[in-house]
Amino acid sequence: MNDAVSITRDLVRCPSVTPADAGALGVLENLLKAAGFELHRVTFSEPGTEDVDNLYARLGNTAPHITFAGHTDVVPVGDEAAWSHGAFSGEINDGFLYGRGAVDMKGGIACSVAAVLQYLADNGGKPRKDGSGSISFLITGDEEAISVNGTVKLLKWVAERGEKFDHCVLGEPSNVEVLGDCIKIGRRGSLSGTLYVDGVQGHVAYPHRAANPVPDISRLIVAISDEPLDHGSAQFQASNLEFTSVDVGNTASNVIPAQARAKFNIRFNDHHTQETLRALVEQRLEKACGNRIRAHIKWEYSNSNVFVTKPGAFTDLAVSAIEEVTGRKPELSTSGGTSDARFIASYCPVIEFGLVGQTMHQIDERTPVSDLEKLTMIYRGVLDRYFG
């Protein structure tokens, strides 16, 4: 069956806990091959990581080229006994389809595939009746984990073939409360680090023989995070730095520790790059330390950069398609965490629009069947406008 509900059920029934495929890409291959797509199953690896299967499928070889992107890997189910329906059952009950990945984001992929197959069936099997235009799918199995053997490498692989994307729709669950309330047109970047403050270990009864790093790290935390990083920009809310843990590794109450450390994460907007942000935080640290406190920051590697797709013709056609089906004019938002759109944005304008994200990663993840049907209609409306 080529409808979104059937495709979602088939995908959910593949227990593709990241980075395992468990047959999910094969479900898509069978559907797209029958529709005439050229298929490429591409496996990437990296030392110290598991191999990851990815799928690139394309129909047509001319511009304009729209790609639908997504991931078939899912997070673990947790306590499966706590699910009211099997975590990989794809069971439908009271109008909801249950299963890990139903929302994030096998349902979104299913709707895009169903919409494309329906569109091609009504259009002579081509993006445009004159033979021009291209439609593709960029599907990874490495989004929910470390994201090194998935979209970022698949995009590079496609580019090395000489292919170019003009626009992308990523089917992540972008809606907050109801279908049609939000399109993600950008995301803040993410940067993490650990602050280390060195002291001198000693007995608490003889503090003059030691140097306690705990009061010092408390002062530095305030000094680094108290002043705003910025006040937001035209498309983004203000950047924020949040300390997430403080630890000295001390099991004794009568010992002054030798070192204290604190982890932090920064979500940053387009006022900053990773390099300028590191420099700003280091500058604050140096000023707060003065000549007395010994401290340094160890930065973690990050591939989460800020991006934004400026409102224009592409966002307008998406808004129009959504409004036609749902009666709602979606907000153009840059809120939330990171996604693979951060990689795609380096190759073409990208928007994120999928299902409602309220139950993603939860026990009893589920989506209304009616939302699957409506999302398919929205994607179909995007295709009609894009090629019309």
Protein backbone atom coordinates (compact mmCIF):
# COMPACT_ATOMS: atom_id res chain seq x y z
CA MET A 1 0.00 0.00 0.00
CA ASN A 2 1.27 3.46 -0.93
CA ASP A 3 -0.74 5.56 1.53
CA ALA A 4 0.99 7.31 4.42
CA VAL A 5 -0.63 5.20 7.13
CA SER A 6 0.47 1.91 5.58
CA ILE A 7 4.00 3.18 4.93
CA THR A 8 4.28 4.48 8.50
CA ARG A 9 3.16 1.12 9.90
CA ASP A 10 5.69 -0.73 7.77
CA LEU A 11 8.49 1.60 8.89
CA VAL A 12 7.53 1.50 12.58
CA ARG A 13 7.56 -2.30 12.50
CA CYS A 14 11.29 -2.14 11.68
CA PRO A 15 13.06 -1.88 15.09
CA SER A 16 15.67 0.53 13.75
CA VAL A 17 17.13 1.75 17.04
CA THR A 18 20.03 3.99 16.06
CA PRO A 19 22.17 3.17 14.15
CA ALA A 20 20.53 -0.14 13.12
CA ASP A 21 18.51 -0.19 9.90
CA ALA A 22 16.41 -3.30 10.60
CA GLY A 23 14.88 -3.20 7.12
CA ALA A 24 13.51 0.37 7.20
CA LEU A 25 15.46 1.59 4.18
CA GLY A 26 14.37 -1.50 2.28
CA VAL A 27 10.73 -0.50 2.74
CA LEU A 28 11.46 2.82 1.06
CA GLU A 29 13.63 1.27 -1.65
CA ASN A 30 10.82 -1.02 -2.78
CA LEU A 31 8.32 1.83 -3.04
CA LEU A 32 10.63 4.25 -4.82
CA LYS A 33 12.09 1.70 -7.21
CA ALA A 34 8.60 0.87 -8.43
CA ALA A 35 8.07 4.58 -9.13
CA GLY A 36 11.19 4.81 -11.29
CA PHE A 37 13.65 6.38 -8.87
CA GLU A 38 17.37 5.78 -9.27
CA LEU A 39 18.46 4.29 -5.95
CA HIS A 40 21.75 4.39 -4.09
CA ARG A 41 22.28 2.55 -0.82
CA VAL A 42 25.39 4.15 0.68
CA THR A 43 27.20 2.94 3.80
CA PHE A 44 29.57 5.19 5.73
CA SER A 45 31.97 4.40 8.53
CA GLU A 46 34.31 6.16 10.91
CA PRO A 47 36.96 4.69 13.25
CA GLY A 48 35.39 3.89 16.59
CA THR A 49 31.81 4.02 15.27
CA GLU A 50 29.34 1.58 13.76
CA ASP A 51 28.70 1.53 10.02
CA VAL A 52 25.54 3.37 8.99
CA ASP A 53 23.31 2.67 5.98
CA ASN A 54 21.88 5.63 4.09
CA LEU A 55 19.60 5.99 1.08
CA TYR A 56 19.64 8.48 -1.77
CA ALA A 57 16.93 8.21 -4.40
CA ARG A 58 16.35 10.59 -7.31
CA LEU A 59 13.88 10.93 -10.16
CA GLY A 60 14.79 13.39 -12.91
CA ASN A 61 18.09 15.05 -13.72
CA THR A 62 17.34 18.74 -14.22
CA ALA A 63 16.45 21.73 -12.11
CA PRO A 64 14.47 22.66 -10.14
CA HIS A 65 15.41 19.93 -7.69
CA ILE A 66 13.52 19.48 -4.43
CA THR A 67 14.64 16.88 -1.91
CA PHE A 68 12.76 15.40 1.02
CA ALA A 69 15.10 14.52 3.88
CA GLY A 70 14.71 12.47 7.02
CA HIS A 71 15.99 9.71 9.27
CA THR A 72 14.71 6.21 9.89
CA ASP A 73 16.72 5.58 13.05
CA VAL A 74 14.90 5.96 16.36
CA VAL A 75 15.79 6.32 20.03
CA PRO A 76 15.53 3.27 22.34
CA VAL A 77 12.04 2.39 23.58
CA GLY A 78 12.84 2.41 27.30
CA ASP A 79 10.67 0.10 29.40
CA GLU A 80 8.72 -1.70 26.68
CA ALA A 81 6.37 -3.17 29.30
CA ALA A 82 5.22 0.39 30.03
CA TRP A 83 3.88 0.82 26.49
CA SER A 84 0.12 0.37 26.14
CA HIS A 85 0.76 -0.91 22.60
CA GLY A 86 3.86 -2.65 21.29
CA ALA A 87 6.70 -0.21 20.73
CA PHE A 88 7.23 -1.57 17.22
CA SER A 89 3.68 -2.76 16.55
CA GLY A 90 2.43 0.15 14.45
CA GLU A 91 -0.94 -0.57 16.03
CA ILE A 92 -3.84 1.80 15.40
CA ASN A 93 -6.23 2.46 18.28
CA ASP A 94 -8.82 5.21 18.76
CA GLY A 95 -7.51 7.06 15.73
CA PHE A 96 -3.85 7.03 16.79
CA LEU A 97 -0.96 5.10 15.28
CA TYR A 98 1.42 3.92 18.03
CA GLY A 99 5.10 3.06 17.88
CA ARG A 100 8.64 4.33 18.30
CA GLY A 101 9.32 6.67 15.41
CA ALA A 102 5.68 7.29 14.53
CA VAL A 103 6.31 11.00 15.17
CA ASP A 104 10.10 11.25 15.07
CA MET A 105 10.21 10.77 12.20
CA LYS A 106 9.02 7.75 10.26
CA GLY A 107 5.57 9.30 9.96
CA GLY A 108 7.01 12.38 8.27
CA ILE A 109 9.02 10.25 5.82
CA ALA A 110 5.96 8.13 5.04
CA CYS A 111 3.89 11.23 4.28
CA SER A 112 6.53 12.65 1.93
CA VAL A 113 6.84 9.33 0.07
CA ALA A 114 3.06 8.93 -0.17
CA ALA A 115 2.68 12.50 -1.43
CA VAL A 116 5.39 12.07 -4.06
CA LEU A 117 3.97 8.76 -5.30
CA GLN A 118 0.50 10.28 -5.50
CA TYR A 119 1.83 13.36 -7.29
CA LEU A 120 3.76 11.28 -9.84
CA ALA A 121 0.77 9.00 -10.48
CA ASP A 122 -1.30 12.06 -11.34
CA ASN A 123 1.44 13.67 -13.42
CA GLY A 124 2.57 10.95 -15.79
CA GLY A 125 5.37 9.70 -13.55
CA LYS A 126 7.44 12.88 -13.93
CA PRO A 127 8.04 15.98 -11.80
CA ARG A 128 6.83 18.06 -14.73
CA LYS A 129 4.96 16.79 -17.76
CA ASP A 130 7.63 18.27 -20.04
CA GLY A 131 10.20 16.04 -18.31
CA SER A 132 12.02 18.77 -16.41
CA GLY A 133 12.56 18.97 -12.68
CA SER A 134 13.82 16.49 -10.09
CA ILE A 135 12.55 14.97 -6.86
CA SER A 136 14.81 13.13 -4.46
CA PHE A 137 14.94 11.57 -1.02
CA LEU A 138 17.87 11.95 1.35
CA ILE A 139 17.38 9.39 4.13
CA THR A 140 19.85 8.57 6.89
CA GLY A 141 20.08 6.09 9.73
CA ASP A 142 22.34 8.26 11.90
CA GLU A 143 20.47 11.26 13.29
CA GLU A 144 19.54 10.22 16.82
CA ALA A 145 23.12 9.39 17.80
CA ILE A 146 26.41 11.09 16.93
CA SER A 147 25.46 12.08 13.36
CA VAL A 148 28.83 11.46 11.73
CA ASN A 149 28.01 8.67 9.24
CA GLY A 150 24.70 10.02 8.00
CA THR A 151 23.42 13.20 6.39
CA VAL A 152 26.67 15.14 6.60
CA LYS A 153 28.52 12.48 4.58
CA LEU A 154 25.60 11.69 2.28
CA LEU A 155 25.36 15.34 1.27
CA LYS A 156 29.05 15.39 0.44
CA TRP A 157 28.71 12.14 -1.51
CA VAL A 158 25.87 13.59 -3.61
CA ALA A 159 27.79 16.82 -4.23
CA GLU A 160 30.85 14.87 -5.39
CA ARG A 161 28.59 13.27 -8.02
CA GLY A 162 28.00 16.76 -9.39
CA GLU A 163 24.42 16.97 -8.18
CA LYS A 164 22.87 20.08 -6.68
CA PHE A 165 19.80 20.59 -4.51
CA ASP A 166 17.68 23.69 -4.97
CA HIS A 167 15.41 23.28 -1.93
CA CYS A 168 14.80 20.80 0.86
CA VAL A 169 11.89 19.84 3.10
CA LEU A 170 12.98 18.00 6.25
CA GLY A 171 10.09 16.12 7.84
CA GLU A 172 11.08 16.56 11.48
CA PRO A 173 8.16 16.98 13.92
CA SER A 174 8.20 20.78 13.83
CA ASN A 175 4.68 21.51 15.06
CA VAL A 176 4.26 22.30 18.74
CA GLU A 177 0.54 21.89 19.57
CA VAL A 178 -1.39 21.21 16.36
CA LEU A 179 -0.54 20.44 12.75
CA GLY A 180 0.14 23.67 10.92
CA ASP A 181 1.26 25.86 13.80
CA CYS A 182 4.98 26.05 13.03
CA ILE A 183 7.61 25.81 10.29
CA LYS A 184 11.23 25.68 11.42
CA ILE A 185 13.26 27.97 9.17
CA GLY A 186 16.43 27.88 11.27
CA ARG A 187 18.09 26.59 14.40
CA ARG A 188 20.52 28.01 16.91
CA GLY A 189 23.96 26.47 17.10
CA SER A 190 25.14 24.37 20.03
CA LEU A 191 28.55 24.48 21.73
CA SER A 192 29.63 22.67 24.91
CA GLY A 193 32.60 22.88 27.20
CA THR A 194 33.91 22.10 30.67
CA LEU A 195 35.37 24.70 33.01
CA TYR A 196 38.26 23.44 35.16
CA VAL A 197 39.48 25.31 38.23
CA ASP A 198 42.72 24.11 39.90
CA GLY A 199 43.32 24.30 43.64
CA VAL A 200 45.59 22.67 46.16
CA GLN A 201 44.32 19.62 48.05
CA GLY A 202 44.53 19.72 51.82
CA HIS A 203 42.96 19.04 55.20
CA VAL A 204 39.92 21.18 56.00
CA ALA A 205 41.39 21.90 59.47
CA TYR A 206 44.42 23.54 57.82
CA PRO A 207 42.95 25.64 55.01
CA HIS A 208 46.03 27.89 54.88
CA ARG A 209 47.97 24.91 53.49
CA ALA A 210 45.44 24.37 50.69
CA ALA A 211 43.62 26.34 48.00
CA ASN A 212 39.92 25.54 47.72
CA PRO A 213 38.66 25.63 44.08
CA VAL A 214 34.97 25.41 45.07
CA PRO A 215 34.41 29.09 45.97
CA ASP A 216 36.48 30.07 42.93
CA ILE A 217 34.44 28.02 40.48
CA SER A 218 31.26 29.49 41.96
CA ARG A 219 32.54 32.99 41.25
CA LEU A 220 33.62 32.06 37.72
CA ILE A 221 30.26 30.49 36.89
CA VAL A 222 28.56 33.76 37.77
CA ALA A 223 31.15 35.84 35.93
CA ILE A 224 30.84 33.80 32.73
CA SER A 225 27.06 33.41 32.63
CA ASP A 226 25.65 36.46 34.40
CA GLU A 227 25.98 38.90 31.51
CA PRO A 228 23.84 38.18 28.41
CA LEU A 229 25.70 36.95 25.35
CA ASP A 230 23.42 39.08 23.17
CA HIS A 231 19.83 40.30 23.02
CA GLY A 232 18.58 38.25 20.08
CA SER A 233 18.48 38.99 16.36
CA ALA A 234 15.89 39.46 13.64
CA GLN A 235 15.26 35.71 13.29
CA PHE A 236 16.50 34.33 16.61
CA GLN A 237 15.94 34.58 20.32
CA ALA A 238 18.85 35.53 22.55
CA SER A 239 21.76 33.14 22.90
CA ASN A 240 22.01 31.45 26.29
CA LEU A 241 24.80 29.80 28.27
CA GLU A 242 23.67 27.23 30.82
CA PHE A 243 25.85 25.44 33.35
CA THR A 244 24.54 21.88 33.64
CA SER A 245 26.74 20.28 36.33
CA VAL A 246 29.34 21.11 38.98
CA ASP A 247 31.59 18.38 40.38
CA VAL A 248 34.75 17.96 42.45
CA GLY A 249 34.86 14.15 42.60
CA ASN A 250 35.26 14.35 46.35
CA THR A 251 33.99 11.52 48.58
CA ALA A 252 35.45 12.91 51.82
CA SER A 253 34.00 15.76 53.84
CA ASN A 254 37.29 16.63 55.51
CA VAL A 255 39.39 17.09 52.37
CA ILE A 256 39.66 20.27 50.33
CA PRO A 257 39.58 19.09 46.68
CA ALA A 258 42.38 19.67 44.22
CA GLN A 259 40.14 20.57 41.31
CA ALA A 260 36.56 21.59 40.52
CA ARG A 261 34.86 21.35 37.14
CA ALA A 262 31.60 22.53 35.65
CA LYS A 263 29.97 21.53 32.36
CA PHE A 264 28.03 24.02 30.27
CA ASN A 265 26.22 24.32 26.94
CA ILE A 266 25.62 27.38 24.80
CA ARG A 267 22.76 27.72 22.31
CA PHE A 268 23.78 30.59 20.07
CA ASN A 269 22.22 32.70 17.34
CA ASP A 270 23.57 34.35 14.19
CA HIS A 271 25.41 37.05 16.14
CA HIS A 272 28.13 34.45 16.74
CA THR A 273 30.24 31.74 15.18
CA GLN A 274 31.76 28.95 17.23
CA GLU A 275 35.13 30.69 17.02
CA THR A 276 33.92 34.14 18.14
CA LEU A 277 31.85 32.56 20.90
CA ARG A 278 34.82 30.64 22.29
CA ALA A 279 36.85 33.84 22.24
CA LEU A 280 34.13 35.76 24.09
CA VAL A 281 33.81 33.17 26.87
CA GLU A 282 37.59 32.84 27.21
CA GLN A 283 37.84 36.61 27.52
CA ARG A 284 35.28 36.65 30.33
CA LEU A 285 37.14 33.83 32.08
CA GLU A 286 40.50 35.57 31.85
CA LYS A 287 39.07 38.78 33.27
CA ALA A 288 37.34 36.97 36.16
CA CYS A 289 40.43 34.90 37.05
CA GLY A 290 42.76 37.84 37.35
CA ASN A 291 46.19 36.84 38.60
CA ARG A 292 44.91 34.57 41.37
CA ILE A 293 42.60 31.85 40.04
CA ARG A 294 44.00 29.08 37.82
CA ALA A 295 41.34 27.92 35.38
CA HIS A 296 40.85 26.78 31.80
CA ILE A 297 38.10 25.54 29.48
CA LYS A 298 38.15 22.31 27.50
CA TRP A 299 35.85 22.73 24.51
CA GLU A 300 34.01 19.80 22.95
CA TYR A 301 33.92 19.26 19.21
CA SER A 302 30.67 20.54 17.73
CA ASN A 303 29.16 20.34 14.25
CA SER A 304 26.02 22.21 15.33
CA ASN A 305 26.20 25.58 13.64
CA VAL A 306 23.53 28.24 13.47
CA PHE A 307 21.57 28.57 10.22
CA VAL A 308 18.49 30.34 8.88
CA THR A 309 16.47 30.14 5.67
CA LYS A 310 15.31 33.66 4.98
CA PRO A 311 11.57 34.04 4.29
CA GLY A 312 10.84 34.21 0.57
CA ALA A 313 9.17 32.35 -2.29
CA PHE A 314 9.98 28.87 -0.91
CA THR A 315 8.66 29.55 2.58
CA ASP A 316 5.65 31.31 1.05
CA LEU A 317 4.62 28.27 -0.98
CA ALA A 318 4.96 26.05 2.08
CA VAL A 319 2.83 28.43 4.16
CA SER A 320 0.22 28.47 1.40
CA ALA A 321 0.07 24.65 1.22
CA ILE A 322 -0.24 24.36 5.02
CA GLU A 323 -2.89 27.05 5.25
CA GLU A 324 -4.94 25.39 2.51
CA VAL A 325 -5.10 22.07 4.39
CA THR A 326 -5.21 23.16 8.03
CA GLY A 327 -6.69 26.65 7.91
CA ARG A 328 -3.72 27.86 9.99
CA LYS A 329 -0.94 30.23 9.02
CA PRO A 330 2.19 28.70 10.57
CA GLU A 331 4.73 30.68 12.55
CA LEU A 332 8.19 30.83 10.97
CA SER A 333 10.26 29.71 13.94
CA THR A 334 13.91 29.16 14.84
CA SER A 335 13.28 27.69 18.29
CA GLY A 336 14.16 24.22 19.55
CA GLY A 337 17.20 21.98 19.43
CA THR A 338 19.39 20.83 16.57
CA SER A 339 18.55 18.64 13.58
CA ASP A 340 20.17 17.48 10.36
CA ALA A 341 18.94 20.70 8.76
CA ARG A 342 22.15 22.28 10.07
CA PHE A 343 24.06 20.20 7.52
CA ILE A 344 21.59 20.61 4.67
CA ALA A 345 21.59 24.41 5.02
CA SER A 346 25.14 24.50 3.60
CA TYR A 347 23.85 23.03 0.33
CA CYS A 348 20.43 24.63 -0.20
CA PRO A 349 17.60 26.46 1.57
CA VAL A 350 15.83 24.08 3.97
CA ILE A 351 12.65 24.17 5.99
CA GLU A 352 11.46 21.71 8.62
CA PHE A 353 7.83 20.71 8.66
CA GLY A 354 6.42 17.44 9.91
CA LEU A 355 4.08 16.09 12.55
CA VAL A 356 3.27 17.39 16.04
CA GLY A 357 6.20 16.63 18.35
CA GLN A 358 4.42 16.24 21.69
CA THR A 359 5.02 12.48 22.12
CA MET A 360 8.40 12.07 20.40
CA HIS A 361 10.92 10.07 22.46
CA GLN A 362 8.17 9.22 24.99
CA ILE A 363 6.53 5.99 26.07
CA ASP A 364 3.50 5.46 23.81
CA GLU A 365 4.83 7.69 21.04
CA ARG A 366 1.89 8.15 18.70
CA THR A 367 0.37 10.32 16.01
CA PRO A 368 -3.24 10.86 14.93
CA VAL A 369 -3.99 9.02 11.70
CA SER A 370 -5.74 12.18 10.54
CA ASP A 371 -2.45 14.11 10.86
CA LEU A 372 -0.70 11.58 8.62
CA GLU A 373 -3.39 12.12 6.01
CA LYS A 374 -3.25 15.92 6.31
CA LEU A 375 0.55 16.06 6.21
CA THR A 376 0.48 14.03 2.99
CA MET A 377 -1.94 16.57 1.51
CA ILE A 378 0.36 19.40 2.59
CA TYR A 379 3.41 17.84 0.96
CA ARG A 380 1.33 17.24 -2.15
CA GLY A 381 0.40 20.93 -2.11
CA VAL A 382 4.08 21.85 -1.83
CA LEU A 383 4.87 19.75 -4.91
CA ASP A 384 1.98 21.23 -6.91
CA ARG A 385 3.18 24.75 -6.16
CA TYR A 386 6.88 23.97 -6.57
CA PHE A 387 6.56 22.50 -10.04
CA GLY A 388 3.49 24.44 -11.12
